[in-house]
Amino acid sequence: MKIFETIECPSCRQDKLIISKNTDTGKLYLYCSECFAAWNSIEEVSEKNRMFIDLDGNSEDPSYEEILANGWDLFVSRIVEV
């Protein structure tokens, strides 16, 4: 399994935002495993009022192909094998 890291979480500054996929909708979003803050897009990260808390657990790690298909590959700073 691979985790795709992006930028530092602006909410807690303790971890990187990772790309996750909502299993109900199939949409990608950014998520912090430290503070549970989440955003629907990289553009929304700078807007605190666009943040939500992801506690429902309806998510999984997307494949690199899904990240490419959504144009999010430009935001990946590191790929972590787990």
PDB file of N, CA and C in Angstrom:
ATOM      1  N   MET A   1       0.838  -1.167   0.000  1.00  0.00           N
ATOM      2  CA  MET A   1       0.000   0.000   0.000  1.00  0.00           C
ATOM      3  C   MET A   1       0.890   1.239   0.000  1.00  0.00           C
ATOM      4  N   LYS A   2       0.431   2.282  -0.668  1.00  0.00           N
ATOM      5  CA  LYS A   2       1.188   3.524  -0.748  1.00  0.00           C
ATOM      6  C   LYS A   2       0.354   4.677  -0.217  1.00  0.00           C
ATOM      7  N   ILE A   3       1.032   5.592   0.472  1.00  0.00           N
ATOM      8  CA  ILE A   3       0.416   6.827   0.940  1.00  0.00           C
ATOM      9  C   ILE A   3       1.070   7.961   0.168  1.00  0.00           C
ATOM     10  N   PHE A   4       0.253   8.880  -0.316  1.00  0.00           N
ATOM     11  CA  PHE A   4       0.739   9.991  -1.120  1.00  0.00           C
ATOM     12  C   PHE A   4       0.660  11.276  -0.300  1.00  0.00           C
ATOM     13  N   GLU A   5       1.830  11.763   0.135  1.00  0.00           N
ATOM     14  CA  GLU A   5       1.909  12.978   0.939  1.00  0.00           C
ATOM     15  C   GLU A   5       1.954  14.207   0.045  1.00  0.00           C
ATOM     16  N   THR A   6       1.433  15.315   0.590  1.00  0.00           N
ATOM     17  CA  THR A   6       1.480  16.585  -0.138  1.00  0.00           C
ATOM     18  C   THR A   6       2.172  17.622   0.747  1.00  0.00           C
ATOM     19  N   ILE A   7       1.455  18.644   1.147  1.00  0.00           N
ATOM     20  CA  ILE A   7       2.032  19.749   1.909  1.00  0.00           C
ATOM     21  C   ILE A   7       1.799  19.567   3.409  1.00  0.00           C
ATOM     22  N   GLU A   8       2.470  20.384   4.199  1.00  0.00           N
ATOM     23  CA  GLU A   8       2.274  20.372   5.648  1.00  0.00           C
ATOM     24  C   GLU A   8       0.855  20.820   5.982  1.00  0.00           C
ATOM     25  N   CYS A   9       0.261  20.194   6.975  1.00  0.00           N
ATOM     26  CA  CYS A   9      -1.086  20.571   7.408  1.00  0.00           C
ATOM     27  C   CYS A   9      -1.050  21.983   7.993  1.00  0.00           C
ATOM     28  N   PRO A  10      -1.818  22.914   7.435  1.00  0.00           N
ATOM     29  CA  PRO A  10      -1.816  24.277   7.959  1.00  0.00           C
ATOM     30  C   PRO A  10      -2.590  24.411   9.270  1.00  0.00           C
ATOM     31  N   SER A  11      -3.363  23.400   9.609  1.00  0.00           N
ATOM     32  CA  SER A  11      -4.156  23.453  10.832  1.00  0.00           C
ATOM     33  C   SER A  11      -3.324  23.112  12.067  1.00  0.00           C
ATOM     34  N   CYS A  12      -2.578  21.999  12.026  1.00  0.00           N
ATOM     35  CA  CYS A  12      -1.793  21.581  13.199  1.00  0.00           C
ATOM     36  C   CYS A  12      -0.284  21.690  12.997  1.00  0.00           C
ATOM     37  N   ARG A  13       0.160  21.721  11.758  1.00  0.00           N
ATOM     38  CA  ARG A  13       1.587  21.764  11.409  1.00  0.00           C
ATOM     39  C   ARG A  13       2.382  20.591  12.000  1.00  0.00           C
ATOM     40  N   GLN A  14       1.709  19.452  12.215  1.00  0.00           N
ATOM     41  CA  GLN A  14       2.352  18.282  12.797  1.00  0.00           C
ATOM     42  C   GLN A  14       2.582  17.155  11.798  1.00  0.00           C
ATOM     43  N   ASP A  15       1.923  17.225  10.651  1.00  0.00           N
ATOM     44  CA  ASP A  15       1.994  16.123   9.689  1.00  0.00           C
ATOM     45  C   ASP A  15       1.746  16.668   8.287  1.00  0.00           C
ATOM     46  N   LYS A  16       2.001  15.837   7.306  1.00  0.00           N
ATOM     47  CA  LYS A  16       1.702  16.187   5.920  1.00  0.00           C
ATOM     48  C   LYS A  16       0.252  15.826   5.614  1.00  0.00           C
ATOM     49  N   LEU A  17      -0.360  16.558   4.710  1.00  0.00           N
ATOM     50  CA  LEU A  17      -1.684  16.184   4.224  1.00  0.00           C
ATOM     51  C   LEU A  17      -1.503  15.035   3.244  1.00  0.00           C
ATOM     52  N   ILE A  18      -2.318  14.009   3.382  1.00  0.00           N
ATOM     53  CA  ILE A  18      -2.248  12.877   2.468  1.00  0.00           C
ATOM     54  C   ILE A  18      -3.484  12.881   1.575  1.00  0.00           C
ATOM     55  N   ILE A  19      -3.328  12.319   0.407  1.00  0.00           N
ATOM     56  CA  ILE A  19      -4.453  12.218  -0.512  1.00  0.00           C
ATOM     57  C   ILE A  19      -5.244  10.970  -0.145  1.00  0.00           C
ATOM     58  N   SER A  20      -6.530  11.160   0.054  1.00  0.00           N
ATOM     59  CA  SER A  20      -7.415  10.062   0.412  1.00  0.00           C
ATOM     60  C   SER A  20      -8.592  10.055  -0.560  1.00  0.00           C
ATOM     61  N   LYS A  21      -9.351   8.958  -0.563  1.00  0.00           N
ATOM     62  CA  LYS A  21     -10.514   8.849  -1.450  1.00  0.00           C
ATOM     63  C   LYS A  21     -11.745   8.488  -0.630  1.00  0.00           C
ATOM     64  N   ASN A  22     -12.812   9.250  -0.799  1.00  0.00           N
ATOM     65  CA  ASN A  22     -14.083   8.946  -0.153  1.00  0.00           C
ATOM     66  C   ASN A  22     -14.681   7.734  -0.850  1.00  0.00           C
ATOM     67  N   THR A  23     -14.938   6.664  -0.104  1.00  0.00           N
ATOM     68  CA  THR A  23     -15.436   5.429  -0.717  1.00  0.00           C
ATOM     69  C   THR A  23     -16.897   5.532  -1.130  1.00  0.00           C
ATOM     70  N   ASP A  24     -17.638   6.489  -0.576  1.00  0.00           N
ATOM     71  CA  ASP A  24     -19.040   6.673  -0.969  1.00  0.00           C
ATOM     72  C   ASP A  24     -19.164   7.419  -2.292  1.00  0.00           C
ATOM     73  N   THR A  25     -18.320   8.458  -2.473  1.00  0.00           N
ATOM     74  CA  THR A  25     -18.430   9.307  -3.662  1.00  0.00           C
ATOM     75  C   THR A  25     -17.345   9.053  -4.697  1.00  0.00           C
ATOM     76  N   GLY A  26     -16.218   8.454  -4.278  1.00  0.00           N
ATOM     77  CA  GLY A  26     -15.089   8.248  -5.179  1.00  0.00           C
ATOM     78  C   GLY A  26     -14.228   9.479  -5.353  1.00  0.00           C
ATOM     79  N   LYS A  27     -14.571  10.580  -4.682  1.00  0.00           N
ATOM     80  CA  LYS A  27     -13.813  11.827  -4.824  1.00  0.00           C
ATOM     81  C   LYS A  27     -12.580  11.825  -3.928  1.00  0.00           C
ATOM     82  N   LEU A  28     -11.514  12.436  -4.444  1.00  0.00           N
ATOM     83  CA  LEU A  28     -10.282  12.588  -3.682  1.00  0.00           C
ATOM     84  C   LEU A  28     -10.379  13.809  -2.786  1.00  0.00           C
ATOM     85  N   TYR A  29      -9.667  13.756  -1.669  1.00  0.00           N
ATOM     86  CA  TYR A  29      -9.572  14.906  -0.777  1.00  0.00           C
ATOM     87  C   TYR A  29      -8.262  14.811  -0.005  1.00  0.00           C
ATOM     88  N   LEU A  30      -7.901  15.878   0.686  1.00  0.00           N
ATOM     89  CA  LEU A  30      -6.672  15.934   1.477  1.00  0.00           C
ATOM     90  C   LEU A  30      -7.020  15.777   2.946  1.00  0.00           C
ATOM     91  N   TYR A  31      -6.189  15.013   3.672  1.00  0.00           N
ATOM     92  CA  TYR A  31      -6.514  14.627   5.035  1.00  0.00           C
ATOM     93  C   TYR A  31      -5.263  14.629   5.906  1.00  0.00           C
ATOM     94  N   CYS A  32      -5.403  15.119   7.140  1.00  0.00           N
ATOM     95  CA  CYS A  32      -4.307  15.086   8.110  1.00  0.00           C
ATOM     96  C   CYS A  32      -4.594  14.007   9.143  1.00  0.00           C
ATOM     97  N   SER A  33      -3.690  13.053   9.292  1.00  0.00           N
ATOM     98  CA  SER A  33      -3.896  11.958  10.246  1.00  0.00           C
ATOM     99  C   SER A  33      -3.654  12.385  11.693  1.00  0.00           C
ATOM    100  N   GLU A  34      -3.066  13.543  11.899  1.00  0.00           N
ATOM    101  CA  GLU A  34      -2.825  14.041  13.258  1.00  0.00           C
ATOM    102  C   GLU A  34      -4.044  14.750  13.838  1.00  0.00           C
ATOM    103  N   CYS A  35      -4.619  15.690  13.093  1.00  0.00           N
ATOM    104  CA  CYS A  35      -5.716  16.506  13.633  1.00  0.00           C
ATOM    105  C   CYS A  35      -7.060  16.230  12.961  1.00  0.00           C
ATOM    106  N   PHE A  36      -7.078  15.335  11.979  1.00  0.00           N
ATOM    107  CA  PHE A  36      -8.289  14.935  11.254  1.00  0.00           C
ATOM    108  C   PHE A  36      -8.884  16.044  10.385  1.00  0.00           C
ATOM    109  N   ALA A  37      -8.138  17.123  10.173  1.00  0.00           N
ATOM    110  CA  ALA A  37      -8.607  18.179   9.281  1.00  0.00           C
ATOM    111  C   ALA A  37      -8.577  17.655   7.849  1.00  0.00           C
ATOM    112  N   ALA A  38      -9.521  18.120   7.044  1.00  0.00           N
ATOM    113  CA  ALA A  38      -9.598  17.659   5.657  1.00  0.00           C
ATOM    114  C   ALA A  38     -10.096  18.787   4.763  1.00  0.00           C
ATOM    115  N   TRP A  39      -9.687  18.722   3.499  1.00  0.00           N
ATOM    116  CA  TRP A  39     -10.105  19.689   2.490  1.00  0.00           C
ATOM    117  C   TRP A  39     -10.432  18.945   1.208  1.00  0.00           C
ATOM    118  N   ASN A  40     -11.378  19.481   0.442  1.00  0.00           N
ATOM    119  CA  ASN A  40     -11.797  18.853  -0.812  1.00  0.00           C
ATOM    120  C   ASN A  40     -10.818  19.071  -1.955  1.00  0.00           C
ATOM    121  N   SER A  41      -9.940  20.069  -1.834  1.00  0.00           N
ATOM    122  CA  SER A  41      -8.961  20.320  -2.899  1.00  0.00           C
ATOM    123  C   SER A  41      -7.771  21.078  -2.329  1.00  0.00           C
ATOM    124  N   ILE A  42      -6.672  21.060  -3.057  1.00  0.00           N
ATOM    125  CA  ILE A  42      -5.463  21.769  -2.633  1.00  0.00           C
ATOM    126  C   ILE A  42      -5.711  23.279  -2.610  1.00  0.00           C
ATOM    127  N   GLU A  43      -6.583  23.755  -3.496  1.00  0.00           N
ATOM    128  CA  GLU A  43      -6.893  25.184  -3.547  1.00  0.00           C
ATOM    129  C   GLU A  43      -7.623  25.643  -2.285  1.00  0.00           C
ATOM    130  N   GLU A  44      -8.377  24.748  -1.660  1.00  0.00           N
ATOM    131  CA  GLU A  44      -9.154  25.106  -0.472  1.00  0.00           C
ATOM    132  C   GLU A  44      -8.328  25.100   0.810  1.00  0.00           C
ATOM    133  N   VAL A  45      -7.129  24.560   0.775  1.00  0.00           N
ATOM    134  CA  VAL A  45      -6.316  24.423   1.988  1.00  0.00           C
ATOM    135  C   VAL A  45      -6.035  25.772   2.634  1.00  0.00           C
ATOM    136  N   SER A  46      -5.849  26.808   1.852  1.00  0.00           N
ATOM    137  CA  SER A  46      -5.549  28.130   2.412  1.00  0.00           C
ATOM    138  C   SER A  46      -6.791  28.814   2.986  1.00  0.00           C
ATOM    139  N   GLU A  47      -7.958  28.234   2.769  1.00  0.00           N
ATOM    140  CA  GLU A  47      -9.198  28.820   3.262  1.00  0.00           C
ATOM    141  C   GLU A  47      -9.698  28.019   4.468  1.00  0.00           C
ATOM    142  N   LYS A  48      -9.467  28.549   5.675  1.00  0.00           N
ATOM    143  CA  LYS A  48      -9.851  27.832   6.902  1.00  0.00           C
ATOM    144  C   LYS A  48     -11.336  27.488   6.921  1.00  0.00           C
ATOM    145  N   ASN A  49     -12.173  28.352   6.345  1.00  0.00           N
ATOM    146  CA  ASN A  49     -13.613  28.089   6.372  1.00  0.00           C
ATOM    147  C   ASN A  49     -14.018  26.935   5.454  1.00  0.00           C
ATOM    148  N   ARG A  50     -13.112  26.431   4.643  1.00  0.00           N
ATOM    149  CA  ARG A  50     -13.400  25.295   3.757  1.00  0.00           C
ATOM    150  C   ARG A  50     -12.972  23.964   4.372  1.00  0.00           C
ATOM    151  N   MET A  51     -12.323  24.009   5.531  1.00  0.00           N
ATOM    152  CA  MET A  51     -11.856  22.801   6.203  1.00  0.00           C
ATOM    153  C   MET A  51     -13.037  22.047   6.812  1.00  0.00           C
ATOM    154  N   PHE A  52     -12.942  20.714   6.827  1.00  0.00           N
ATOM    155  CA  PHE A  52     -13.918  19.908   7.554  1.00  0.00           C
ATOM    156  C   PHE A  52     -13.166  18.846   8.344  1.00  0.00           C
ATOM    157  N   ILE A  53     -13.829  18.218   9.275  1.00  0.00           N
ATOM    158  CA  ILE A  53     -13.217  17.170  10.085  1.00  0.00           C
ATOM    159  C   ILE A  53     -13.693  15.824   9.556  1.00  0.00           C
ATOM    160  N   ASP A  54     -12.751  14.961   9.231  1.00  0.00           N
ATOM    161  CA  ASP A  54     -13.076  13.660   8.654  1.00  0.00           C
ATOM    162  C   ASP A  54     -13.069  12.602   9.747  1.00  0.00           C
ATOM    163  N   LEU A  55     -14.250  12.285  10.252  1.00  0.00           N
ATOM    164  CA  LEU A  55     -14.360  11.279  11.299  1.00  0.00           C
ATOM    165  C   LEU A  55     -15.197  10.077  10.884  1.00  0.00           C
ATOM    166  N   ASP A  56     -15.779  10.114   9.693  1.00  0.00           N
ATOM    167  CA  ASP A  56     -16.704   9.040   9.310  1.00  0.00           C
ATOM    168  C   ASP A  56     -16.010   7.753   8.892  1.00  0.00           C
ATOM    169  N   GLY A  57     -14.745   7.820   8.522  1.00  0.00           N
ATOM    170  CA  GLY A  57     -13.998   6.612   8.178  1.00  0.00           C
ATOM    171  C   GLY A  57     -14.344   5.994   6.836  1.00  0.00           C
ATOM    172  N   ASN A  58     -15.121   6.678   6.016  1.00  0.00           N
ATOM    173  CA  ASN A  58     -15.485   6.162   4.696  1.00  0.00           C
ATOM    174  C   ASN A  58     -14.426   6.555   3.674  1.00  0.00           C
ATOM    175  N   SER A  59     -13.210   6.088   3.897  1.00  0.00           N
ATOM    176  CA  SER A  59     -12.135   6.467   2.991  1.00  0.00           C
ATOM    177  C   SER A  59     -11.157   5.319   2.807  1.00  0.00           C
ATOM    178  N   GLU A  60     -10.373   5.467   1.743  1.00  0.00           N
ATOM    179  CA  GLU A  60      -9.299   4.524   1.459  1.00  0.00           C
ATOM    180  C   GLU A  60      -8.210   5.269   0.717  1.00  0.00           C
ATOM    181  N   ASP A  61      -7.047   4.652   0.635  1.00  0.00           N
ATOM    182  CA  ASP A  61      -5.952   5.262  -0.106  1.00  0.00           C
ATOM    183  C   ASP A  61      -6.188   5.037  -1.591  1.00  0.00           C
ATOM    184  N   PRO A  62      -6.130   6.107  -2.392  1.00  0.00           N
ATOM    185  CA  PRO A  62      -6.321   5.943  -3.831  1.00  0.00           C
ATOM    186  C   PRO A  62      -5.086   5.336  -4.486  1.00  0.00           C
ATOM    187  N   SER A  63      -5.273   4.797  -5.660  1.00  0.00           N
ATOM    188  CA  SER A  63      -4.137   4.303  -6.439  1.00  0.00           C
ATOM    189  C   SER A  63      -3.467   5.492  -7.121  1.00  0.00           C
ATOM    190  N   TYR A  64      -2.232   5.288  -7.572  1.00  0.00           N
ATOM    191  CA  TYR A  64      -1.544   6.362  -8.289  1.00  0.00           C
ATOM    192  C   TYR A  64      -2.284   6.685  -9.583  1.00  0.00           C
ATOM    193  N   GLU A  65      -2.894   5.692 -10.195  1.00  0.00           N
ATOM    194  CA  GLU A  65      -3.662   5.913 -11.423  1.00  0.00           C
ATOM    195  C   GLU A  65      -4.846   6.845 -11.162  1.00  0.00           C
ATOM    196  N   GLU A  66      -5.503   6.680 -10.010  1.00  0.00           N
ATOM    197  CA  GLU A  66      -6.621   7.566  -9.656  1.00  0.00           C
ATOM    198  C   GLU A  66      -6.130   8.991  -9.411  1.00  0.00           C
ATOM    199  N   ILE A  67      -4.969   9.109  -8.782  1.00  0.00           N
ATOM    200  CA  ILE A  67      -4.388  10.424  -8.541  1.00  0.00           C
ATOM    201  C   ILE A  67      -4.040  11.092  -9.867  1.00  0.00           C
ATOM    202  N   LEU A  68      -3.436  10.341 -10.782  1.00  0.00           N
ATOM    203  CA  LEU A  68      -3.113  10.867 -12.114  1.00  0.00           C
ATOM    204  C   LEU A  68      -4.368  11.297 -12.864  1.00  0.00           C
ATOM    205  N   ALA A  69      -5.399  10.464 -12.843  1.00  0.00           N
ATOM    206  CA  ALA A  69      -6.639  10.742 -13.574  1.00  0.00           C
ATOM    207  C   ALA A  69      -7.320  12.011 -13.079  1.00  0.00           C
ATOM    208  N   ASN A  70      -7.094  12.360 -11.810  1.00  0.00           N
ATOM    209  CA  ASN A  70      -7.703  13.558 -11.240  1.00  0.00           C
ATOM    210  C   ASN A  70      -6.773  14.769 -11.279  1.00  0.00           C
ATOM    211  N   GLY A  71      -5.560  14.591 -11.825  1.00  0.00           N
ATOM    212  CA  GLY A  71      -4.613  15.694 -11.934  1.00  0.00           C
ATOM    213  C   GLY A  71      -3.972  16.097 -10.615  1.00  0.00           C
ATOM    214  N   TRP A  72      -4.014  15.220  -9.633  1.00  0.00           N
ATOM    215  CA  TRP A  72      -3.459  15.533  -8.318  1.00  0.00           C
ATOM    216  C   TRP A  72      -1.998  15.119  -8.194  1.00  0.00           C
ATOM    217  N   ASP A  73      -1.422  14.495  -9.206  1.00  0.00           N
ATOM    218  CA  ASP A  73      -0.033  14.040  -9.144  1.00  0.00           C
ATOM    219  C   ASP A  73       0.943  15.201  -8.963  1.00  0.00           C
ATOM    220  N   LEU A  74       0.567  16.390  -9.402  1.00  0.00           N
ATOM    221  CA  LEU A  74       1.433  17.564  -9.269  1.00  0.00           C
ATOM    222  C   LEU A  74       1.633  17.971  -7.812  1.00  0.00           C
ATOM    223  N   PHE A  75       0.732  17.540  -6.938  1.00  0.00           N
ATOM    224  CA  PHE A  75       0.785  17.935  -5.535  1.00  0.00           C
ATOM    225  C   PHE A  75       1.497  16.920  -4.644  1.00  0.00           C
ATOM    226  N   VAL A  76       1.836  15.760  -5.184  1.00  0.00           N
ATOM    227  CA  VAL A  76       2.487  14.710  -4.394  1.00  0.00           C
ATOM    228  C   VAL A  76       3.942  15.096  -4.141  1.00  0.00           C
ATOM    229  N   SER A  77       4.307  15.195  -2.850  1.00  0.00           N
ATOM    230  CA  SER A  77       5.690  15.533  -2.505  1.00  0.00           C
ATOM    231  C   SER A  77       6.509  14.297  -2.148  1.00  0.00           C
ATOM    232  N   ARG A  78       5.800  13.225  -1.723  1.00  0.00           N
ATOM    233  CA  ARG A  78       6.504  12.004  -1.346  1.00  0.00           C
ATOM    234  C   ARG A  78       5.524  10.834  -1.363  1.00  0.00           C
ATOM    235  N   ILE A  79       6.016   9.681  -1.803  1.00  0.00           N
ATOM    236  CA  ILE A  79       5.224   8.453  -1.791  1.00  0.00           C
ATOM    237  C   ILE A  79       5.820   7.545  -0.723  1.00  0.00           C
ATOM    238  N   VAL A  80       4.986   7.110   0.221  1.00  0.00           N
ATOM    239  CA  VAL A  80       5.435   6.290   1.341  1.00  0.00           C
ATOM    240  C   VAL A  80       4.841   4.897   1.208  1.00  0.00           C
ATOM    241  N   GLU A  81       5.711   3.884   1.192  1.00  0.00           N
ATOM    242  CA  GLU A  81       5.266   2.481   1.187  1.00  0.00           C
ATOM    243  C   GLU A  81       4.967   2.075   2.620  1.00  0.00           C
ATOM    244  N   VAL A  82       3.773   1.539   2.840  1.00  0.00           N
ATOM    245  CA  VAL A  82       3.421   1.064   4.193  1.00  0.00           C
ATOM    246  C   VAL A  82       2.980  -0.374   4.154  1.00  0.00           C
TER     247      VAL A  82
END
